[in-house]
PDB file of all heavy atoms in Angstrom:
ATOM      1  N   LEU A   1       3.732  -3.263  20.245  1.00  0.00           N
ATOM      2  CA  LEU A   1       4.340  -3.944  19.028  1.00  0.00           C
ATOM      3  C   LEU A   1       3.295  -4.159  17.938  1.00  0.00           C
ATOM      4  O   LEU A   1       3.518  -4.050  16.773  1.00  0.00           O
ATOM      5  CB  LEU A   1       4.976  -5.292  19.437  1.00  0.00           C
ATOM      6  CG  LEU A   1       5.674  -6.039  18.361  1.00  0.00           C
ATOM      7  CD1 LEU A   1       6.839  -5.210  17.811  1.00  0.00           C
ATOM      8  CD2 LEU A   1       6.259  -7.429  18.965  1.00  0.00           C
ATOM      9  N   PHE A   2       2.043  -4.451  18.445  1.00  0.00           N
ATOM     10  CA  PHE A   2       0.930  -4.553  17.506  1.00  0.00           C
ATOM     11  C   PHE A   2       0.728  -3.224  16.804  1.00  0.00           C
ATOM     12  O   PHE A   2       0.474  -3.154  15.581  1.00  0.00           O
ATOM     13  CB  PHE A   2      -0.388  -4.998  18.213  1.00  0.00           C
ATOM     14  CG  PHE A   2      -1.621  -4.744  17.434  1.00  0.00           C
ATOM     15  CD1 PHE A   2      -1.974  -5.688  16.483  1.00  0.00           C
ATOM     16  CD2 PHE A   2      -2.366  -3.700  17.606  1.00  0.00           C
ATOM     17  CE1 PHE A   2      -3.156  -5.538  15.790  1.00  0.00           C
ATOM     18  CE2 PHE A   2      -3.544  -3.439  16.817  1.00  0.00           C
ATOM     19  CZ  PHE A   2      -3.922  -4.398  15.945  1.00  0.00           C
ATOM     20  N   LEU A   3       0.816  -2.149  17.528  1.00  0.00           N
ATOM     21  CA  LEU A   3       0.532  -0.748  17.011  1.00  0.00           C
ATOM     22  C   LEU A   3       1.625  -0.482  15.903  1.00  0.00           C
ATOM     23  O   LEU A   3       1.284   0.039  14.848  1.00  0.00           O
ATOM     24  CB  LEU A   3       0.582   0.229  18.082  1.00  0.00           C
ATOM     25  CG  LEU A   3       0.438   1.677  17.626  1.00  0.00           C
ATOM     26  CD1 LEU A   3      -0.868   1.987  17.020  1.00  0.00           C
ATOM     27  CD2 LEU A   3       0.698   2.675  18.840  1.00  0.00           C
ATOM     28  N   PHE A   4       2.862  -0.822  16.235  1.00  0.00           N
ATOM     29  CA  PHE A   4       3.952  -0.585  15.268  1.00  0.00           C
ATOM     30  C   PHE A   4       3.656  -1.286  13.974  1.00  0.00           C
ATOM     31  O   PHE A   4       3.763  -0.703  12.867  1.00  0.00           O
ATOM     32  CB  PHE A   4       5.297  -1.157  15.882  1.00  0.00           C
ATOM     33  CG  PHE A   4       6.248  -1.569  14.876  1.00  0.00           C
ATOM     34  CD1 PHE A   4       6.997  -0.706  14.147  1.00  0.00           C
ATOM     35  CD2 PHE A   4       6.564  -2.948  14.650  1.00  0.00           C
ATOM     36  CE1 PHE A   4       7.948  -1.047  13.168  1.00  0.00           C
ATOM     37  CE2 PHE A   4       7.551  -3.385  13.769  1.00  0.00           C
ATOM     38  CZ  PHE A   4       8.222  -2.369  12.998  1.00  0.00           C
ATOM     39  N   GLN A   5       3.134  -2.560  14.029  1.00  0.00           N
ATOM     40  CA  GLN A   5       2.885  -3.303  12.805  1.00  0.00           C
ATOM     41  C   GLN A   5       1.579  -2.853  12.106  1.00  0.00           C
ATOM     42  O   GLN A   5       1.472  -2.880  10.913  1.00  0.00           O
ATOM     43  CB  GLN A   5       2.839  -4.796  13.115  1.00  0.00           C
ATOM     44  CG  GLN A   5       4.212  -5.297  13.549  1.00  0.00           C
ATOM     45  CD  GLN A   5       4.197  -6.709  14.053  1.00  0.00           C
ATOM     46  OE1 GLN A   5       4.375  -7.666  13.241  1.00  0.00           O
ATOM     47  NE2 GLN A   5       3.992  -6.912  15.301  1.00  0.00           N
ATOM     48  N   ALA A   6       0.596  -2.476  12.986  1.00  0.00           N
ATOM     49  CA  ALA A   6      -0.636  -1.994  12.400  1.00  0.00           C
ATOM     50  C   ALA A   6      -0.405  -0.716  11.619  1.00  0.00           C
ATOM     51  O   ALA A   6      -0.955  -0.526  10.483  1.00  0.00           O
ATOM     52  CB  ALA A   6      -1.665  -1.770  13.536  1.00  0.00           C
ATOM     53  N   VAL A   7       0.286   0.241  12.107  1.00  0.00           N
ATOM     54  CA  VAL A   7       0.706   1.465  11.426  1.00  0.00           C
ATOM     55  C   VAL A   7       1.447   1.116  10.149  1.00  0.00           C
ATOM     56  O   VAL A   7       1.259   1.707   9.074  1.00  0.00           O
ATOM     57  CB  VAL A   7       1.469   2.411  12.305  1.00  0.00           C
ATOM     58  CG1 VAL A   7       2.009   3.635  11.537  1.00  0.00           C
ATOM     59  CG2 VAL A   7       0.649   2.862  13.499  1.00  0.00           C
ATOM     60  N   ALA A   8       2.346   0.112  10.250  1.00  0.00           N
ATOM     61  CA  ALA A   8       3.136  -0.234   9.063  1.00  0.00           C
ATOM     62  C   ALA A   8       2.181  -0.792   7.928  1.00  0.00           C
ATOM     63  O   ALA A   8       2.388  -0.484   6.816  1.00  0.00           O
ATOM     64  CB  ALA A   8       4.183  -1.255   9.425  1.00  0.00           C
ATOM     65  N   VAL A   9       1.171  -1.571   8.418  1.00  0.00           N
ATOM     66  CA  VAL A   9       0.159  -2.026   7.418  1.00  0.00           C
ATOM     67  C   VAL A   9      -0.491  -0.903   6.738  1.00  0.00           C
ATOM     68  O   VAL A   9      -0.657  -0.879   5.450  1.00  0.00           O
ATOM     69  CB  VAL A   9      -0.764  -2.995   8.089  1.00  0.00           C
ATOM     70  CG1 VAL A   9      -1.989  -3.291   7.206  1.00  0.00           C
ATOM     71  CG2 VAL A   9      -0.115  -4.299   8.537  1.00  0.00           C
ATOM     72  N   LEU A  10      -1.013   0.071   7.510  1.00  0.00           N
ATOM     73  CA  LEU A  10      -1.719   1.168   6.914  1.00  0.00           C
ATOM     74  C   LEU A  10      -0.822   1.999   5.991  1.00  0.00           C
ATOM     75  O   LEU A  10      -1.293   2.445   4.887  1.00  0.00           O
ATOM     76  CB  LEU A  10      -2.265   2.037   8.053  1.00  0.00           C
ATOM     77  CG  LEU A  10      -3.357   1.428   8.909  1.00  0.00           C
ATOM     78  CD1 LEU A  10      -3.752   2.333  10.081  1.00  0.00           C
ATOM     79  CD2 LEU A  10      -4.577   1.121   8.178  1.00  0.00           C
ATOM     80  N   THR A  11       0.431   2.138   6.391  1.00  0.00           N
ATOM     81  CA  THR A  11       1.349   2.904   5.603  1.00  0.00           C
ATOM     82  C   THR A  11       1.601   2.160   4.229  1.00  0.00           C
ATOM     83  O   THR A  11       1.715   2.753   3.193  1.00  0.00           O
ATOM     84  CB  THR A  11       2.692   2.988   6.254  1.00  0.00           C
ATOM     85  OG1 THR A  11       2.515   3.705   7.500  1.00  0.00           O
ATOM     86  CG2 THR A  11       3.705   3.898   5.495  1.00  0.00           C
ATOM     87  N   SER A  12       1.662   0.814   4.249  1.00  0.00           N
ATOM     88  CA  SER A  12       1.884   0.055   3.065  1.00  0.00           C
ATOM     89  C   SER A  12       0.823   0.201   2.081  1.00  0.00           C
ATOM     90  O   SER A  12       1.007   0.001   0.865  1.00  0.00           O
ATOM     91  CB  SER A  12       2.145  -1.427   3.453  1.00  0.00           C
ATOM     92  OG  SER A  12       0.907  -1.996   3.934  1.00  0.00           O
ATOM     93  N   LEU A  13      -0.410   0.599   2.425  1.00  0.00           N
ATOM     94  CA  LEU A  13      -1.523   0.817   1.605  1.00  0.00           C
ATOM     95  C   LEU A  13      -1.292   2.085   0.723  1.00  0.00           C
ATOM     96  O   LEU A  13      -1.850   2.179  -0.336  1.00  0.00           O
ATOM     97  CB  LEU A  13      -2.842   0.888   2.349  1.00  0.00           C
ATOM     98  CG  LEU A  13      -3.267  -0.413   3.090  1.00  0.00           C
ATOM     99  CD1 LEU A  13      -4.477  -0.099   3.918  1.00  0.00           C
ATOM    100  CD2 LEU A  13      -3.518  -1.460   2.073  1.00  0.00           C
ATOM    101  N   VAL A  14      -0.527   2.999   1.237  1.00  0.00           N
ATOM    102  CA  VAL A  14      -0.345   4.301   0.619  1.00  0.00           C
ATOM    103  C   VAL A  14       0.773   4.181  -0.427  1.00  0.00           C
ATOM    104  O   VAL A  14       0.827   4.954  -1.419  1.00  0.00           O
ATOM    105  CB  VAL A  14      -0.040   5.394   1.615  1.00  0.00           C
ATOM    106  CG1 VAL A  14       0.165   6.759   0.948  1.00  0.00           C
ATOM    107  CG2 VAL A  14      -1.227   5.460   2.621  1.00  0.00           C
ATOM    108  N   VAL A  15       1.750   3.297  -0.187  1.00  0.00           N
ATOM    109  CA  VAL A  15       2.943   3.326  -1.056  1.00  0.00           C
ATOM    110  C   VAL A  15       2.714   3.086  -2.499  1.00  0.00           C
ATOM    111  O   VAL A  15       3.342   3.729  -3.382  1.00  0.00           O
ATOM    112  CB  VAL A  15       4.024   2.258  -0.490  1.00  0.00           C
ATOM    113  CG1 VAL A  15       5.179   2.116  -1.412  1.00  0.00           C
ATOM    114  CG2 VAL A  15       4.411   2.714   0.939  1.00  0.00           C
ATOM    115  N   PRO A  16       1.776   2.136  -2.957  1.00  0.00           N
ATOM    116  CA  PRO A  16       1.578   1.945  -4.371  1.00  0.00           C
ATOM    117  C   PRO A  16       1.231   3.214  -5.122  1.00  0.00           C
ATOM    118  O   PRO A  16       1.656   3.414  -6.223  1.00  0.00           O
ATOM    119  CB  PRO A  16       0.423   0.937  -4.384  1.00  0.00           C
ATOM    120  CG  PRO A  16       0.613   0.164  -3.140  1.00  0.00           C
ATOM    121  CD  PRO A  16       1.024   1.190  -2.092  1.00  0.00           C
ATOM    122  N   ALA A  17       0.372   4.135  -4.481  1.00  0.00           N
ATOM    123  CA  ALA A  17       0.013   5.338  -5.168  1.00  0.00           C
ATOM    124  C   ALA A  17       1.287   6.213  -5.276  1.00  0.00           C
ATOM    125  O   ALA A  17       1.462   6.829  -6.342  1.00  0.00           O
ATOM    126  CB  ALA A  17      -1.063   6.099  -4.286  1.00  0.00           C
ATOM    127  N   ALA A  18       2.147   6.214  -4.309  1.00  0.00           N
ATOM    128  CA  ALA A  18       3.340   7.044  -4.363  1.00  0.00           C
ATOM    129  C   ALA A  18       4.267   6.420  -5.474  1.00  0.00           C
ATOM    130  O   ALA A  18       4.953   7.185  -6.177  1.00  0.00           O
ATOM    131  CB  ALA A  18       4.041   7.030  -3.045  1.00  0.00           C
ATOM    132  N   LEU A  19       4.266   5.144  -5.615  1.00  0.00           N
ATOM    133  CA  LEU A  19       5.130   4.488  -6.626  1.00  0.00           C
ATOM    134  C   LEU A  19       4.656   4.912  -8.027  1.00  0.00           C
ATOM    135  O   LEU A  19       5.466   5.088  -8.908  1.00  0.00           O
ATOM    136  CB  LEU A  19       5.082   2.946  -6.463  1.00  0.00           C
ATOM    137  CG  LEU A  19       5.824   2.369  -5.272  1.00  0.00           C
ATOM    138  CD1 LEU A  19       5.630   0.860  -5.170  1.00  0.00           C
ATOM    139  CD2 LEU A  19       7.302   2.660  -5.384  1.00  0.00           C
ATOM    140  N   ARG A  20       3.309   5.001  -8.228  1.00  0.00           N
ATOM    141  CA  ARG A  20       2.766   5.347  -9.544  1.00  0.00           C
ATOM    142  C   ARG A  20       3.065   6.851  -9.792  1.00  0.00           C
ATOM    143  O   ARG A  20       3.277   7.254 -10.955  1.00  0.00           O
ATOM    144  CB  ARG A  20       1.298   5.089  -9.566  1.00  0.00           C
ATOM    145  CG  ARG A  20       0.947   3.616  -9.678  1.00  0.00           C
ATOM    146  CD  ARG A  20      -0.519   3.420 -10.033  1.00  0.00           C
ATOM    147  NE  ARG A  20      -1.401   3.994  -9.012  1.00  0.00           N
ATOM    148  CZ  ARG A  20      -1.880   3.322  -7.980  1.00  0.00           C
ATOM    149  NH1 ARG A  20      -1.472   2.013  -7.822  1.00  0.00           N
ATOM    150  NH2 ARG A  20      -2.683   3.855  -7.121  1.00  0.00           N
ATOM    151  N   TRP A  21       3.034   7.701  -8.801  1.00  0.00           N
ATOM    152  CA  TRP A  21       3.191   9.093  -8.952  1.00  0.00           C
ATOM    153  C   TRP A  21       4.654   9.542  -9.234  1.00  0.00           C
ATOM    154  O   TRP A  21       4.955  10.371 -10.029  1.00  0.00           O
ATOM    155  CB  TRP A  21       2.661   9.806  -7.754  1.00  0.00           C
ATOM    156  CG  TRP A  21       2.916  11.263  -7.781  1.00  0.00           C
ATOM    157  CD1 TRP A  21       2.242  12.262  -8.476  1.00  0.00           C
ATOM    158  CD2 TRP A  21       3.883  12.016  -7.049  1.00  0.00           C
ATOM    159  NE1 TRP A  21       2.727  13.534  -8.190  1.00  0.00           N
ATOM    160  CE2 TRP A  21       3.754  13.320  -7.328  1.00  0.00           C
ATOM    161  CE3 TRP A  21       4.869  11.591  -6.165  1.00  0.00           C
ATOM    162  CZ2 TRP A  21       4.585  14.287  -6.747  1.00  0.00           C
ATOM    163  CZ3 TRP A  21       5.752  12.547  -5.604  1.00  0.00           C
ATOM    164  CH2 TRP A  21       5.585  13.876  -5.948  1.00  0.00           C
ATOM    165  N   ALA A  22       5.597   8.880  -8.480  1.00  0.00           N
ATOM    166  CA  ALA A  22       6.975   9.268  -8.572  1.00  0.00           C
ATOM    167  C   ALA A  22       7.642   8.780  -9.819  1.00  0.00           C
ATOM    168  O   ALA A  22       7.367   7.647 -10.318  1.00  0.00           O
ATOM    169  CB  ALA A  22       7.736   8.734  -7.327  1.00  0.00           C
ATOM    170  N   ARG A  23       8.624   9.557 -10.323  1.00  0.00           N
ATOM    171  CA  ARG A  23       9.422   9.102 -11.461  1.00  0.00           C
ATOM    172  C   ARG A  23      10.383   7.996 -11.101  1.00  0.00           C
ATOM    173  O   ARG A  23      10.684   7.150 -11.924  1.00  0.00           O
ATOM    174  CB  ARG A  23      10.167  10.298 -12.027  1.00  0.00           C
ATOM    175  CG  ARG A  23       9.217  11.468 -12.547  1.00  0.00           C
ATOM    176  CD  ARG A  23      10.022  12.601 -13.144  1.00  0.00           C
ATOM    177  NE  ARG A  23      10.800  12.157 -14.356  1.00  0.00           N
ATOM    178  CZ  ARG A  23      11.537  12.991 -15.065  1.00  0.00           C
ATOM    179  NH1 ARG A  23      11.612  14.251 -14.753  1.00  0.00           N
ATOM    180  NH2 ARG A  23      12.130  12.560 -16.184  1.00  0.00           N
ATOM    181  N   ASP A  24      10.948   8.024  -9.935  1.00  0.00           N
ATOM    182  CA  ASP A  24      11.661   6.915  -9.397  1.00  0.00           C
ATOM    183  C   ASP A  24      11.475   6.914  -7.894  1.00  0.00           C
ATOM    184  O   ASP A  24      10.592   7.641  -7.369  1.00  0.00           O
ATOM    185  CB  ASP A  24      13.185   6.989  -9.733  1.00  0.00           C
ATOM    186  CG  ASP A  24      13.851   8.244  -9.136  1.00  0.00           C
ATOM    187  OD1 ASP A  24      13.439   8.774  -8.077  1.00  0.00           O
ATOM    188  OD2 ASP A  24      14.838   8.773  -9.767  1.00  0.00           O
ATOM    189  N   GLN A  25      12.104   6.017  -7.143  1.00  0.00           N
ATOM    190  CA  GLN A  25      11.877   5.853  -5.731  1.00  0.00           C
ATOM    191  C   GLN A  25      12.876   6.353  -4.778  1.00  0.00           C
ATOM    192  O   GLN A  25      12.898   6.051  -3.616  1.00  0.00           O
ATOM    193  CB  GLN A  25      11.619   4.312  -5.508  1.00  0.00           C
ATOM    194  CG  GLN A  25      10.455   3.682  -6.230  1.00  0.00           C
ATOM    195  CD  GLN A  25      10.837   3.320  -7.663  1.00  0.00           C
ATOM    196  OE1 GLN A  25      11.990   2.776  -7.901  1.00  0.00           O
ATOM    197  NE2 GLN A  25       9.983   3.664  -8.613  1.00  0.00           N
ATOM    198  N   ARG A  26      13.837   7.173  -5.305  1.00  0.00           N
ATOM    199  CA  ARG A  26      14.880   7.668  -4.463  1.00  0.00           C
ATOM    200  C   ARG A  26      14.362   8.486  -3.256  1.00  0.00           C
ATOM    201  O   ARG A  26      14.720   8.223  -2.071  1.00  0.00           O
ATOM    202  CB  ARG A  26      15.902   8.442  -5.279  1.00  0.00           C
ATOM    203  CG  ARG A  26      16.802   7.620  -6.125  1.00  0.00           C
ATOM    204  CD  ARG A  26      17.712   8.562  -6.991  1.00  0.00           C
ATOM    205  NE  ARG A  26      16.994   9.225  -8.008  1.00  0.00           N
ATOM    206  CZ  ARG A  26      17.522   9.999  -8.967  1.00  0.00           C
ATOM    207  NH1 ARG A  26      18.815  10.166  -8.963  1.00  0.00           N
ATOM    208  NH2 ARG A  26      16.818  10.568  -9.874  1.00  0.00           N
ATOM    209  N   ALA A  27      13.570   9.490  -3.554  1.00  0.00           N
ATOM    210  CA  ALA A  27      13.070  10.349  -2.452  1.00  0.00           C
ATOM    211  C   ALA A  27      12.229   9.578  -1.468  1.00  0.00           C
ATOM    212  O   ALA A  27      12.361   9.744  -0.239  1.00  0.00           O
ATOM    213  CB  ALA A  27      12.315  11.530  -3.036  1.00  0.00           C
ATOM    214  N   LEU A  28      11.360   8.734  -1.993  1.00  0.00           N
ATOM    215  CA  LEU A  28      10.461   8.012  -1.093  1.00  0.00           C
ATOM    216  C   LEU A  28      11.294   6.976  -0.229  1.00  0.00           C
ATOM    217  O   LEU A  28      11.034   6.932   0.972  1.00  0.00           O
ATOM    218  CB  LEU A  28       9.450   7.207  -1.962  1.00  0.00           C
ATOM    219  CG  LEU A  28       8.433   6.367  -1.189  1.00  0.00           C
ATOM    220  CD1 LEU A  28       7.612   7.218  -0.292  1.00  0.00           C
ATOM    221  CD2 LEU A  28       7.486   5.635  -2.188  1.00  0.00           C
ATOM    222  N   ALA A  29      12.228   6.329  -0.795  1.00  0.00           N
ATOM    223  CA  ALA A  29      12.976   5.393  -0.068  1.00  0.00           C
ATOM    224  C   ALA A  29      13.835   6.037   1.023  1.00  0.00           C
ATOM    225  O   ALA A  29      14.013   5.539   2.154  1.00  0.00           O
ATOM    226  CB  ALA A  29      13.853   4.480  -0.937  1.00  0.00           C
TER     227      ALA A  29
END
């Protein structure tokens, strides 16, 4: 369960860059 959340934390660090790059969030979501 810790691993699930730790991976989620690492993933959340990447999302802002994707938000800046994408024209909208449909594909990402």
